[in-house]
N, C-alpha and C. Protein backbone atom coordinates (compact mmCIF):
# COMPACT_ATOMS: atom_id res chain seq x y z
N UNK A 1 5.96 1.16 6.10
CA UNK A 1 5.17 -0.03 6.66
C UNK A 1 3.73 0.79 5.91
N UNK A 2 3.45 1.44 4.84
CA UNK A 2 2.53 1.35 3.96
C UNK A 2 2.72 0.44 3.21
N UNK A 3 3.69 -0.13 2.70
CA UNK A 3 4.23 -1.30 1.99
C UNK A 3 3.66 -2.49 2.21
N UNK A 4 4.29 -2.93 3.58
CA UNK A 4 3.05 -3.93 4.33
C UNK A 4 1.48 -4.04 4.12
N UNK A 5 1.13 -2.82 4.32
CA UNK A 5 -0.50 -2.99 4.61
C UNK A 5 -1.06 -2.81 2.40
N UNK A 6 -0.48 -2.68 2.02
CA UNK A 6 -0.96 -2.70 0.49
C UNK A 6 -0.58 -3.91 -0.07
N UNK A 7 0.43 -4.59 0.37
CA UNK A 7 1.00 -5.62 -0.70
C UNK A 7 0.41 -6.61 -0.71
N UNK A 8 -1.44 -6.99 -0.59
CA UNK A 8 -2.42 -7.68 -1.03
C UNK A 8 -3.05 -7.32 -2.21
N UNK A 9 -3.19 -6.04 -1.73
CA UNK A 9 -3.76 -5.25 -3.28
C UNK A 9 -2.35 -5.10 -4.22
N UNK A 10 -2.11 -4.81 -3.90
CA UNK A 10 -0.88 -4.31 -5.29
C UNK A 10 -0.69 -6.23 -5.61
N UNK A 11 -0.20 -7.00 -5.28
CA UNK A 11 -0.92 -8.57 -5.76
C UNK A 11 -1.71 -8.45 -6.22
N UNK A 12 -2.93 -8.17 -5.58
CA UNK A 12 -3.83 -8.68 -6.99
C UNK A 12 -3.99 -7.68 -7.46
N UNK A 13 -3.33 -6.61 -8.39
CA UNK A 13 -3.83 -5.49 -9.48
C UNK A 13 -2.39 -6.63 -10.11
N UNK A 14 -1.29 -7.18 -9.73
CA UNK A 14 -0.53 -8.03 -10.10
C UNK A 14 -1.33 -8.94 -11.03
N UNK A 15 -2.21 -9.94 -10.30
CA UNK A 15 -2.92 -11.06 -10.67
C UNK A 15 -3.91 -10.71 -11.79
N UNK A 16 -4.44 -9.46 -11.46
CA UNK A 16 -5.43 -9.13 -12.97
C UNK A 16 -4.39 -8.39 -13.87
N UNK A 17 -2.93 -8.27 -13.71
CA UNK A 17 -3.18 -7.87 -14.97
C UNK A 17 -3.07 -6.41 -15.23
N UNK A 18 -3.63 -5.10 -13.83
CA UNK A 18 -3.95 -4.22 -14.29
C UNK A 18 -2.91 -3.29 -13.76
N UNK A 19 -1.67 -3.32 -14.32
CA UNK A 19 -0.25 -2.46 -14.69
C UNK A 19 -1.07 -0.89 -14.44
N UNK A 20 -1.88 -0.56 -15.52
CA UNK A 20 -2.57 0.82 -15.76
C UNK A 20 -2.73 1.85 -14.28
N UNK A 21 -3.70 0.96 -13.45
CA UNK A 21 -3.87 0.88 -12.28
C UNK A 21 -2.53 0.99 -10.87
N UNK A 22 -1.95 -0.14 -11.40
CA UNK A 22 -0.83 -0.20 -10.34
C UNK A 22 0.14 1.08 -10.59
N UNK A 23 0.17 1.20 -11.58
CA UNK A 23 1.05 2.37 -12.15
C UNK A 23 1.01 3.59 -11.57
N UNK A 24 -0.25 3.97 -12.41
CA UNK A 24 -1.19 5.41 -11.59
C UNK A 24 -1.08 5.06 -9.89
N UNK A 25 -1.18 4.33 -9.32
CA UNK A 25 -0.84 4.64 -7.65
C UNK A 25 0.89 4.55 -7.28
N UNK A 26 1.32 3.71 -7.99
CA UNK A 26 2.93 3.69 -7.20
C UNK A 26 3.51 5.00 -7.89
N UNK A 27 3.03 5.59 -9.31
CA UNK A 27 4.12 7.11 -9.50
C UNK A 27 3.01 7.78 -8.41
N UNK A 28 2.69 7.85 -7.84
CA UNK A 28 2.30 8.75 -6.51
C UNK A 28 3.39 8.77 -5.81
N UNK A 29 3.09 7.68 -5.37
CA UNK A 29 4.37 7.10 -3.75
C UNK A 29 5.52 7.60 -3.89
N UNK A 30 5.86 8.14 -2.48
CA UNK A 30 7.89 8.51 -2.45
C UNK A 30 8.83 7.29 -2.55
N UNK A 31 9.83 7.97 -3.40
CA UNK A 31 10.38 6.69 -3.87
C UNK A 31 11.04 5.56 -2.42
N UNK A 32 11.68 6.44 -1.38
CA UNK A 32 11.39 5.19 -0.26
C UNK A 32 10.57 4.37 -0.38
N UNK A 33 9.63 5.06 -0.43
CA UNK A 33 8.26 3.81 -0.15
C UNK A 33 8.67 2.88 -1.34
N UNK A 34 8.23 3.05 -2.45
CA UNK A 34 8.30 2.68 -3.98
C UNK A 34 9.41 1.73 -3.41
N UNK A 35 10.96 1.54 -2.42
CA UNK A 35 11.75 0.56 -2.27
C UNK A 35 11.89 0.07 -1.14
N UNK A 36 11.41 0.38 -0.50
CA UNK A 36 10.68 -0.55 0.75
C UNK A 36 9.24 -1.53 0.19
N UNK A 37 8.90 -1.30 -0.44
CA UNK A 37 7.94 -1.97 -1.35
C UNK A 37 8.35 -3.18 -2.00
N UNK A 38 9.22 -2.77 -3.07
CA UNK A 38 9.90 -3.67 -3.55
C UNK A 38 11.17 -4.96 -2.70
N UNK A 39 11.60 -4.36 -1.43
CA UNK A 39 11.84 -5.36 -1.07
C UNK A 39 11.21 -6.36 -0.17
N UNK A 40 9.72 -6.42 -0.14
CA UNK A 40 8.77 -6.56 0.30
C UNK A 40 8.79 -8.09 -0.73
N UNK A 41 9.04 -7.70 -1.79
CA UNK A 41 8.61 -8.61 -3.30
C UNK A 41 9.73 -9.61 -3.36
N UNK A 42 9.17 -10.83 -4.54
CA UNK A 42 10.26 -11.77 -5.00
C UNK A 42 10.04 -10.67 -5.55
N UNK A 43 11.63 -11.49 -6.29
CA UNK A 43 12.72 -10.86 -7.23
C UNK A 43 11.48 -10.64 -8.57
N UNK A 44 11.16 -11.91 -9.26
CA UNK A 44 9.79 -11.88 -10.09
C UNK A 44 8.90 -10.02 -10.43
N UNK A 45 8.26 -10.74 -9.23
CA UNK A 45 7.24 -8.66 -8.90
C UNK A 45 8.23 -8.17 -8.64
N UNK A 46 9.20 -7.43 -8.28
CA UNK A 46 10.10 -6.47 -7.77
C UNK A 46 10.28 -6.06 -9.61
N UNK A 47 10.25 -6.74 -10.53
CA UNK A 47 10.69 -6.55 -12.16
C UNK A 47 9.64 -6.12 -12.25
N UNK A 48 8.50 -6.86 -12.31
CA UNK A 48 7.12 -6.36 -12.96
C UNK A 48 7.04 -5.17 -12.79
N UNK A 49 6.89 -4.40 -10.67
CA UNK A 49 6.74 -3.25 -10.23
C UNK A 49 7.61 -2.07 -11.32
N UNK A 50 8.96 -2.45 -11.10
CA UNK A 50 9.82 -1.40 -11.24
C UNK A 50 9.76 -1.04 -13.05
N UNK A 51 9.56 -1.68 -13.52
CA UNK A 51 9.23 -1.68 -15.07
C UNK A 51 7.72 -0.28 -15.64
N UNK A 52 6.96 -0.33 -14.34
CA UNK A 52 5.84 0.34 -14.51
C UNK A 52 5.86 1.77 -14.04
N UNK A 53 7.26 2.08 -13.59
CA UNK A 53 6.85 3.23 -12.95
C UNK A 53 7.29 4.16 -13.72
N UNK A 54 7.26 5.74 -13.86
CA UNK A 54 8.01 6.65 -14.62
C UNK A 54 9.30 6.53 -14.55
N UNK A 55 9.97 7.03 -15.64
CA UNK A 55 11.21 6.90 -15.81
C UNK A 55 12.38 8.06 -14.20
N UNK A 56 11.58 8.67 -14.35
CA UNK A 56 12.10 9.67 -13.19
C UNK A 56 11.75 9.25 -11.65
N UNK A 57 10.65 8.13 -11.34
CA UNK A 57 10.55 7.75 -10.21
C UNK A 57 11.55 6.82 -10.16
N UNK A 58 11.31 5.36 -11.32
CA UNK A 58 12.31 4.84 -11.08
C UNK A 58 13.99 4.98 -10.73
N UNK A 59 14.17 6.10 -11.28
CA UNK A 59 15.54 6.80 -10.96
C UNK A 59 15.57 7.11 -9.58
N UNK A 60 14.90 7.38 -9.33
CA UNK A 60 14.87 8.24 -7.27
C UNK A 60 14.65 6.95 -6.77
N UNK A 61 13.77 5.97 -6.84
CA UNK A 61 13.35 4.89 -6.23
C UNK A 61 14.83 3.95 -6.16
N UNK A 62 15.38 3.23 -7.44
CA UNK A 62 16.41 2.82 -7.65
C UNK A 62 17.34 2.76 -6.52
N UNK A 63 17.72 4.17 -6.19
CA UNK A 63 18.32 4.67 -5.28
C UNK A 63 18.52 4.93 -3.97
N UNK A 64 17.78 4.17 -3.22
CA UNK A 64 16.83 3.63 -1.91
C UNK A 64 17.01 2.04 -1.87
N UNK A 65 17.42 1.63 -3.63
CA UNK A 65 17.31 -0.01 -2.95
C UNK A 65 18.46 -0.85 -2.34
N UNK A 66 18.77 -1.82 -2.24
CA UNK A 66 19.44 -2.54 -1.90
C UNK A 66 20.76 -2.91 -2.67
N UNK A 67 21.88 -3.20 -2.88
CA UNK A 67 22.75 -3.02 -3.65
C UNK A 67 22.35 -4.66 -4.33
N UNK A 68 22.09 -5.45 -3.52
CA UNK A 68 21.71 -6.94 -4.04
C UNK A 68 20.13 -6.69 -5.36
N UNK A 69 19.51 -5.93 -4.28
CA UNK A 69 18.04 -5.96 -5.70
C UNK A 69 18.94 -4.75 -6.77
N UNK A 70 19.51 -3.64 -6.62
CA UNK A 70 20.09 -3.09 -8.16
C UNK A 70 20.52 -4.01 -8.90
N UNK A 71 21.56 -4.53 -8.30
CA UNK A 71 22.45 -5.96 -9.37
C UNK A 71 21.37 -6.44 -9.68
N UNK A 72 20.40 -6.85 -9.48
CA UNK A 72 19.40 -7.90 -9.76
C UNK A 72 19.25 -6.86 -11.36
N UNK A 73 18.16 -5.88 -10.86
CA UNK A 73 17.63 -5.05 -11.56
C UNK A 73 18.53 -4.98 -13.07
N UNK A 74 19.46 -4.77 -12.90
CA UNK A 74 19.95 -4.15 -13.46
C UNK A 74 20.38 -5.45 -14.74
N UNK A 75 20.41 -6.55 -14.32
CA UNK A 75 20.61 -7.53 -15.16
C UNK A 75 19.47 -8.02 -16.17
N UNK A 76 18.24 -7.95 -15.57
CA UNK A 76 17.05 -8.11 -16.10
C UNK A 76 16.47 -7.01 -17.18
N UNK A 77 16.95 -5.60 -16.72
CA UNK A 77 16.03 -4.97 -17.36
C UNK A 77 16.55 -5.02 -18.70
N UNK A 78 16.06 -4.28 -20.31
CA UNK A 78 16.58 -3.87 -21.34
C UNK A 78 17.49 -2.78 -20.97
N UNK A 79 18.21 -3.44 -22.16
CA UNK A 79 19.65 -1.74 -21.81
C UNK A 79 19.22 -0.67 -22.10
N UNK A 80 17.69 -0.13 -23.39
CA UNK A 80 17.84 0.82 -22.92
C UNK A 80 17.46 1.66 -21.74
N UNK A 81 17.02 0.43 -21.51
CA UNK A 81 15.86 0.78 -19.54
C UNK A 81 17.06 1.26 -18.63
N UNK A 82 17.94 0.40 -18.84
CA UNK A 82 19.10 0.54 -17.73
C UNK A 82 19.77 1.56 -18.13
N UNK A 83 20.14 1.60 -19.24
CA UNK A 83 20.92 2.79 -19.72
C UNK A 83 20.33 4.49 -19.12
N UNK A 84 19.01 4.66 -19.74
CA UNK A 84 18.26 5.29 -18.99
C UNK A 84 18.45 5.77 -17.64
N UNK A 85 18.19 4.85 -16.63
CA UNK A 85 17.97 4.64 -15.48
C UNK A 85 19.61 5.67 -14.83
N UNK A 86 20.62 4.96 -15.46
CA UNK A 86 21.99 5.06 -14.98
C UNK A 86 22.20 6.64 -15.20
N UNK A 87 21.82 7.22 -16.49
CA UNK A 87 22.17 8.31 -16.80
C UNK A 87 21.11 9.34 -15.66
N UNK A 88 20.06 8.78 -15.26
CA UNK A 88 19.14 9.56 -14.60
C UNK A 88 19.36 9.80 -13.08
N UNK A 89 20.20 9.03 -12.89
CA UNK A 89 20.50 8.66 -11.19
C UNK A 89 21.33 10.18 -11.15
N UNK A 90 21.31 10.02 -9.68
CA UNK A 90 22.01 11.39 -9.12
C UNK A 90 23.78 10.73 -9.33
N UNK A 91 24.77 11.67 -9.40
CA UNK A 91 26.07 11.58 -9.96
C UNK A 91 26.50 10.36 -8.38
N UNK A 92 26.32 10.82 -7.95
CA UNK A 92 27.06 10.37 -6.30
C UNK A 92 26.68 9.07 -5.90
N UNK A 93 25.16 8.83 -5.77
CA UNK A 93 24.57 7.60 -6.46
C UNK A 93 25.08 6.84 -6.94
N UNK A 94 25.10 7.15 -8.07
CA UNK A 94 26.07 6.37 -9.13
C UNK A 94 27.04 5.83 -8.84
N UNK A 95 28.07 6.58 -8.54
CA UNK A 95 29.55 6.36 -8.36
C UNK A 95 29.93 5.45 -7.00
N UNK A 96 29.17 5.79 -5.66
CA UNK A 96 28.72 4.61 -5.10
C UNK A 96 28.07 3.30 -5.66
N UNK A 97 27.53 3.12 -6.54
CA UNK A 97 26.93 1.61 -7.43
C UNK A 97 28.51 1.40 -7.99
N UNK A 98 28.70 1.72 -8.68
CA UNK A 98 30.29 1.75 -9.69
C UNK A 98 30.61 1.17 -9.15
N UNK A 99 31.61 1.54 -7.68
CA UNK A 99 32.03 0.79 -6.95
C UNK A 99 32.17 -0.35 -6.32
N UNK A 100 30.32 -0.96 -6.24
CA UNK A 100 30.60 -2.06 -5.58
C UNK A 100 29.93 -2.86 -6.06
N UNK A 101 29.77 -2.75 -7.29
CA UNK A 101 29.24 -3.87 -8.58
C UNK A 101 30.24 -4.85 -9.20
N UNK A 102 29.91 -5.58 -9.18
CA UNK A 102 31.45 -7.14 -9.99
C UNK A 102 31.47 -6.11 -11.26
N UNK A 103 32.88 -6.53 -11.31
CA UNK A 103 33.57 -5.55 -13.01
C UNK A 103 32.64 -5.88 -13.92
N UNK A 104 32.54 -6.78 -14.00
CA UNK A 104 31.91 -6.92 -15.18
C UNK A 104 30.45 -6.63 -15.74
N UNK A 105 29.23 -6.15 -14.27
CA UNK A 105 28.67 -5.37 -14.10
C UNK A 105 28.88 -3.66 -14.53
N UNK A 106 30.18 -3.33 -13.63
CA UNK A 106 30.35 -2.51 -13.93
C UNK A 106 30.86 -1.46 -14.98
N UNK A 107 31.69 -2.43 -15.71
CA UNK A 107 31.72 -2.71 -17.32
C UNK A 107 30.62 -1.78 -18.17
N UNK A 108 29.88 -2.78 -18.07
CA UNK A 108 28.90 -2.69 -18.87
C UNK A 108 27.75 -1.64 -18.38
N UNK A 109 27.78 -1.12 -17.22
CA UNK A 109 27.26 0.44 -16.66
C UNK A 109 27.39 1.21 -17.27
N UNK A 110 28.98 1.03 -16.99
CA UNK A 110 29.80 2.35 -18.26
C UNK A 110 29.46 2.84 -19.48
N UNK A 111 29.56 1.69 -20.31
CA UNK A 111 29.48 1.47 -21.59
C UNK A 111 27.88 2.07 -21.37
N UNK A 112 27.48 2.24 -20.69
CA UNK A 112 25.32 2.60 -20.98
C UNK A 112 25.52 4.42 -20.83
N UNK A 113 26.54 4.63 -19.97
CA UNK A 113 26.53 6.10 -19.78
C UNK A 113 26.55 6.87 -20.91
N UNK A 114 25.99 8.07 -21.01
CA UNK A 114 25.40 9.32 -22.00
C UNK A 114 27.41 9.51 -21.58
N UNK A 115 27.99 10.48 -22.85
CA UNK A 115 29.05 10.59 -22.86
C UNK A 115 29.29 11.74 -21.56
N UNK A 116 28.56 12.72 -21.39
CA UNK A 116 28.16 13.63 -20.80
C UNK A 116 28.37 13.29 -19.03
N UNK A 117 27.38 12.10 -19.05
CA UNK A 117 27.49 11.20 -17.51
C UNK A 117 28.38 10.29 -17.59
N UNK A 118 29.20 9.67 -18.87
CA UNK A 118 30.98 8.77 -18.10
C UNK A 118 31.87 9.72 -17.65
N UNK A 119 32.09 11.20 -18.47
CA UNK A 119 32.97 11.56 -18.08
C UNK A 119 32.51 12.03 -16.53
N UNK A 120 31.50 12.75 -16.28
CA UNK A 120 30.95 12.84 -14.26
C UNK A 120 31.69 12.07 -13.81
N UNK A 121 31.06 10.63 -14.38
CA UNK A 121 31.36 9.23 -13.69
C UNK A 121 33.21 8.82 -13.36
N UNK A 122 33.41 9.16 -14.13
CA UNK A 122 35.52 9.60 -14.45
C UNK A 122 35.84 10.28 -13.50
N UNK A 123 35.38 11.18 -13.68
CA UNK A 123 35.51 12.67 -12.47
C UNK A 123 35.57 11.59 -11.04
N UNK A 124 34.43 11.36 -10.61
CA UNK A 124 34.31 11.20 -9.69
C UNK A 124 34.88 9.75 -8.88
N UNK A 125 35.19 8.96 -9.89
CA UNK A 125 35.90 7.64 -10.02
C UNK A 125 37.73 8.34 -9.32
N UNK A 126 37.91 9.35 -9.77
CA UNK A 126 39.46 9.42 -9.65
C UNK A 126 39.22 9.53 -8.42
N UNK A 127 38.91 9.63 -7.36
CA UNK A 127 38.29 10.62 -6.07
C UNK A 127 39.58 9.24 -5.36
N UNK A 128 40.43 9.14 -4.46
CA UNK A 128 40.88 7.79 -3.56
C UNK A 128 39.26 7.63 -2.93
N UNK A 129 39.15 6.13 -2.94
CA UNK A 129 37.83 5.42 -2.78
C UNK A 129 37.51 5.68 -1.37
N UNK A 130 38.08 6.08 -0.70
CA UNK A 130 38.01 6.67 1.21
C UNK A 130 37.92 7.98 0.93
N UNK A 131 38.04 8.90 -0.12
CA UNK A 131 37.82 9.95 -0.05
C UNK A 131 36.24 11.20 0.26
N UNK A 132 36.54 12.05 0.55
CA UNK A 132 35.37 13.17 0.09
C UNK A 132 34.80 12.78 -0.94
N UNK A 133 35.72 13.70 -2.05
CA UNK A 133 35.26 13.40 -3.58
C UNK A 133 34.97 12.44 -4.32
N UNK A 134 34.35 11.51 -2.93
CA UNK A 134 34.02 10.05 -4.44
C UNK A 134 32.34 10.45 -3.38
N UNK A 135 32.20 11.50 -2.56
CA UNK A 135 30.77 11.24 -2.49
C UNK A 135 30.01 13.23 -2.96
N UNK A 136 30.84 13.41 -3.20
CA UNK A 136 30.75 14.70 -4.14
C UNK A 136 29.52 14.70 -4.85
N UNK A 137 28.78 15.72 -5.65
CA UNK A 137 27.73 15.37 -6.27
C UNK A 137 28.40 16.87 -6.99
N UNK A 138 28.53 16.98 -8.55
CA UNK A 138 29.25 18.48 -9.88
C UNK A 138 28.20 19.20 -10.11
N UNK A 139 26.77 18.54 -9.06
CA UNK A 139 25.47 20.04 -9.91
C UNK A 139 25.94 20.79 -8.26
N UNK A 140 25.53 21.98 -9.19
CA UNK A 140 25.86 23.00 -8.73
C UNK A 140 24.44 24.14 -8.37
N UNK A 141 24.69 25.41 -7.77
CA UNK A 141 23.84 26.27 -8.40
C UNK A 141 24.36 27.61 -7.98
N UNK A 142 24.21 28.20 -9.04
CA UNK A 142 24.67 29.92 -8.63
C UNK A 142 23.78 31.06 -8.71
N UNK A 143 24.01 31.71 -7.99
CA UNK A 143 23.77 33.24 -7.17
C UNK A 143 23.94 34.42 -7.68
N UNK A 144 23.15 34.74 -8.24
CA UNK A 144 23.49 36.04 -7.97
C UNK A 144 23.61 37.26 -7.21
N UNK A 145 24.69 37.87 -6.50
CA UNK A 145 24.33 38.28 -6.03
C UNK A 145 23.63 39.44 -5.33
N UNK A 146 22.67 40.43 -6.58
CA UNK A 146 21.97 41.05 -6.77
C UNK A 146 20.20 40.28 -6.50
N UNK A 147 19.95 39.13 -6.42
CA UNK A 147 18.98 38.93 -6.24
C UNK A 147 18.45 38.87 -5.19
N UNK A 148 17.15 39.09 -4.66
CA UNK A 148 16.26 38.55 -3.63
C UNK A 148 15.78 37.70 -3.18
N UNK A 149 15.10 37.53 -2.11
CA UNK A 149 13.99 35.89 -1.86
C UNK A 149 12.90 36.36 -2.15
């Protein structure tokens, strides 16, 4: 809802070329709200907005986008930005994306991953498509038995 109320203001900032202010504002938004905003905008404005986000916010918002929007952005982003985005994604979200995009894009995306992230993606993709293994994340927390809250 927030995004619909602010679209006229956002479009005004785009028209004025005031990407500094726009970036300062949007980098304070929740990733889900950024994704909702992008869904309301035409493709060219989606790419403009997406590129002004900081790397961490961009990766988090990307995970909330529709598959078609994710594919579009991966095709239009420079390779270095696409690599940074893919390497920052949560492993389980990246696995879901890799299995849904067309093969040529999946192959290109795989090549952009760092060796560590590629290894993680390969291990998750070894699980059957309909298994819980595809939904797992390799991230975990170790807690000492003598720790207190």
